[in-house]
Structure formats: C-alpha cells, structure tokens
Amino acid sequence: MTFLDRLHQRARQRGEYERTRREIAALPRDVALDLDIYPGDAHRIAWKAVYGV
C-alpha cells in the first residue's frame, strides 16, 4: 500500500467516524434507550465501529 493509498484510507475512515458519531449523538433519546445506546458514548461507539479498536 502506497503512502497516498494510506492517506486516502485514513481520510475516508475519518469521514466515516465523524458521520457515525454525529448520527449516534443525534438519535432521539427514546430510540437510543431502546437500542441500549448512551448518546454520550457516541465517540467511543463510532471509533470502534470504524477503526475496530
């Protein structure tokens, strides 16, 4: 994988992370509770979903 490939991949992942985090944080409270999600953990959930760590 070249440097530019890795750079492109990282930029794509960052975009996915930001979109996922925003969507989780914006969930209505009743929906979040039904899914057993605390919106304050949006960053952690999004990070794990995108980066798998």
N, C-alpha and C. Protein backbone atom coordinates (compact mmCIF):
# COMPACT_ATOMS: atom_id res chain seq x y z
N MET A 1 0.85 -1.17 0.00
CA MET A 1 0.00 0.00 0.00
C MET A 1 0.90 1.24 0.00
N THR A 2 0.65 2.13 -0.91
CA THR A 2 1.48 3.33 -1.01
C THR A 2 1.05 4.36 0.03
N PHE A 3 1.89 5.36 0.17
CA PHE A 3 1.60 6.44 1.11
C PHE A 3 0.27 7.12 0.77
N LEU A 4 0.05 7.38 -0.50
CA LEU A 4 -1.20 8.04 -0.90
C LEU A 4 -2.41 7.15 -0.67
N ASP A 5 -2.26 5.85 -0.85
CA ASP A 5 -3.36 4.92 -0.56
C ASP A 5 -3.71 4.97 0.92
N ARG A 6 -2.69 4.95 1.78
CA ARG A 6 -2.94 5.01 3.22
C ARG A 6 -3.57 6.34 3.63
N LEU A 7 -3.09 7.42 3.01
CA LEU A 7 -3.64 8.74 3.31
C LEU A 7 -5.12 8.80 2.91
N HIS A 8 -5.44 8.26 1.74
CA HIS A 8 -6.83 8.23 1.27
C HIS A 8 -7.69 7.38 2.21
N GLN A 9 -7.17 6.23 2.61
CA GLN A 9 -7.91 5.35 3.52
C GLN A 9 -8.17 6.04 4.85
N ARG A 10 -7.18 6.71 5.40
CA ARG A 10 -7.34 7.40 6.68
C ARG A 10 -8.35 8.53 6.57
N ALA A 11 -8.34 9.26 5.47
CA ALA A 11 -9.30 10.34 5.27
C ALA A 11 -10.71 9.78 5.17
N ARG A 12 -10.87 8.67 4.46
CA ARG A 12 -12.18 8.03 4.33
C ARG A 12 -12.67 7.56 5.70
N GLN A 13 -11.77 6.93 6.47
CA GLN A 13 -12.15 6.45 7.80
C GLN A 13 -12.55 7.61 8.71
N ARG A 14 -11.82 8.70 8.63
CA ARG A 14 -12.15 9.85 9.48
C ARG A 14 -13.54 10.38 9.14
N GLY A 15 -13.86 10.43 7.85
CA GLY A 15 -15.18 10.87 7.44
C GLY A 15 -16.26 9.93 7.94
N GLU A 16 -16.01 8.63 7.85
CA GLU A 16 -16.97 7.63 8.35
C GLU A 16 -17.16 7.79 9.86
N TYR A 17 -16.05 7.99 10.57
CA TYR A 17 -16.11 8.17 12.01
C TYR A 17 -16.97 9.38 12.37
N GLU A 18 -16.70 10.52 11.73
CA GLU A 18 -17.45 11.74 12.03
C GLU A 18 -18.94 11.58 11.73
N ARG A 19 -19.27 10.99 10.60
CA ARG A 19 -20.69 10.77 10.25
C ARG A 19 -21.36 9.85 11.26
N THR A 20 -20.69 8.76 11.61
CA THR A 20 -21.26 7.80 12.56
C THR A 20 -21.45 8.45 13.92
N ARG A 21 -20.45 9.20 14.39
CA ARG A 21 -20.53 9.86 15.69
C ARG A 21 -21.69 10.85 15.73
N ARG A 22 -21.82 11.65 14.67
CA ARG A 22 -22.91 12.64 14.61
C ARG A 22 -24.27 11.96 14.61
N GLU A 23 -24.40 10.88 13.84
CA GLU A 23 -25.69 10.19 13.76
C GLU A 23 -26.07 9.58 15.11
N ILE A 24 -25.11 8.97 15.78
CA ILE A 24 -25.40 8.37 17.09
C ILE A 24 -25.76 9.46 18.10
N ALA A 25 -25.00 10.54 18.11
CA ALA A 25 -25.26 11.63 19.06
C ALA A 25 -26.61 12.30 18.80
N ALA A 26 -27.08 12.26 17.56
CA ALA A 26 -28.34 12.91 17.21
C ALA A 26 -29.57 12.02 17.38
N LEU A 27 -29.38 10.78 17.77
CA LEU A 27 -30.53 9.89 17.96
C LEU A 27 -31.46 10.45 19.02
N PRO A 28 -32.75 10.38 18.78
CA PRO A 28 -33.69 10.77 19.84
C PRO A 28 -33.46 9.88 21.07
N ARG A 29 -33.61 10.46 22.23
CA ARG A 29 -33.30 9.75 23.47
C ARG A 29 -34.07 8.42 23.59
N ASP A 30 -35.35 8.40 23.21
CA ASP A 30 -36.13 7.16 23.34
C ASP A 30 -35.60 6.08 22.41
N VAL A 31 -35.18 6.45 21.21
CA VAL A 31 -34.63 5.47 20.27
C VAL A 31 -33.30 4.95 20.80
N ALA A 32 -32.45 5.87 21.29
CA ALA A 32 -31.16 5.47 21.84
C ALA A 32 -31.34 4.50 23.00
N LEU A 33 -32.29 4.79 23.88
CA LEU A 33 -32.51 3.90 25.01
C LEU A 33 -33.04 2.54 24.56
N ASP A 34 -33.89 2.52 23.55
CA ASP A 34 -34.38 1.25 23.01
C ASP A 34 -33.23 0.41 22.45
N LEU A 35 -32.23 1.08 21.89
CA LEU A 35 -31.07 0.38 21.31
C LEU A 35 -29.97 0.16 22.34
N ASP A 36 -30.23 0.57 23.57
CA ASP A 36 -29.26 0.45 24.66
C ASP A 36 -27.98 1.22 24.35
N ILE A 37 -28.16 2.44 23.83
CA ILE A 37 -27.04 3.31 23.49
C ILE A 37 -27.15 4.58 24.31
N TYR A 38 -26.04 4.98 24.92
CA TYR A 38 -25.97 6.26 25.60
C TYR A 38 -25.34 7.25 24.63
N PRO A 39 -26.07 8.29 24.21
CA PRO A 39 -25.53 9.23 23.21
C PRO A 39 -24.20 9.86 23.62
N GLY A 40 -23.92 9.95 24.90
CA GLY A 40 -22.64 10.48 25.36
C GLY A 40 -21.46 9.59 25.00
N ASP A 41 -21.74 8.35 24.65
CA ASP A 41 -20.69 7.41 24.24
C ASP A 41 -20.55 7.35 22.72
N ALA A 42 -21.13 8.30 22.02
CA ALA A 42 -21.12 8.27 20.56
C ALA A 42 -19.70 8.19 20.01
N HIS A 43 -18.77 8.92 20.60
CA HIS A 43 -17.39 8.89 20.10
C HIS A 43 -16.77 7.50 20.23
N ARG A 44 -17.00 6.85 21.36
CA ARG A 44 -16.43 5.52 21.58
C ARG A 44 -17.06 4.48 20.66
N ILE A 45 -18.37 4.53 20.50
CA ILE A 45 -19.08 3.58 19.64
C ILE A 45 -18.66 3.77 18.19
N ALA A 46 -18.58 5.02 17.75
CA ALA A 46 -18.19 5.31 16.37
C ALA A 46 -16.76 4.87 16.11
N TRP A 47 -15.86 5.12 17.06
CA TRP A 47 -14.46 4.74 16.88
C TRP A 47 -14.33 3.23 16.70
N LYS A 48 -15.03 2.49 17.55
CA LYS A 48 -14.96 1.04 17.47
C LYS A 48 -15.58 0.53 16.16
N ALA A 49 -16.67 1.14 15.72
CA ALA A 49 -17.34 0.72 14.50
C ALA A 49 -16.47 0.95 13.27
N VAL A 50 -15.73 2.05 13.25
CA VAL A 50 -14.93 2.40 12.06
C VAL A 50 -13.55 1.79 12.12
N TYR A 51 -12.87 1.93 13.25
CA TYR A 51 -11.48 1.50 13.35
C TYR A 51 -11.33 0.09 13.93
N GLY A 52 -12.38 -0.40 14.56
CA GLY A 52 -12.36 -1.75 15.10
C GLY A 52 -11.45 -1.95 16.30
N VAL A 53 -11.10 -0.87 16.96
CA VAL A 53 -10.19 -0.98 18.10
C VAL A 53 -10.95 -0.71 19.37
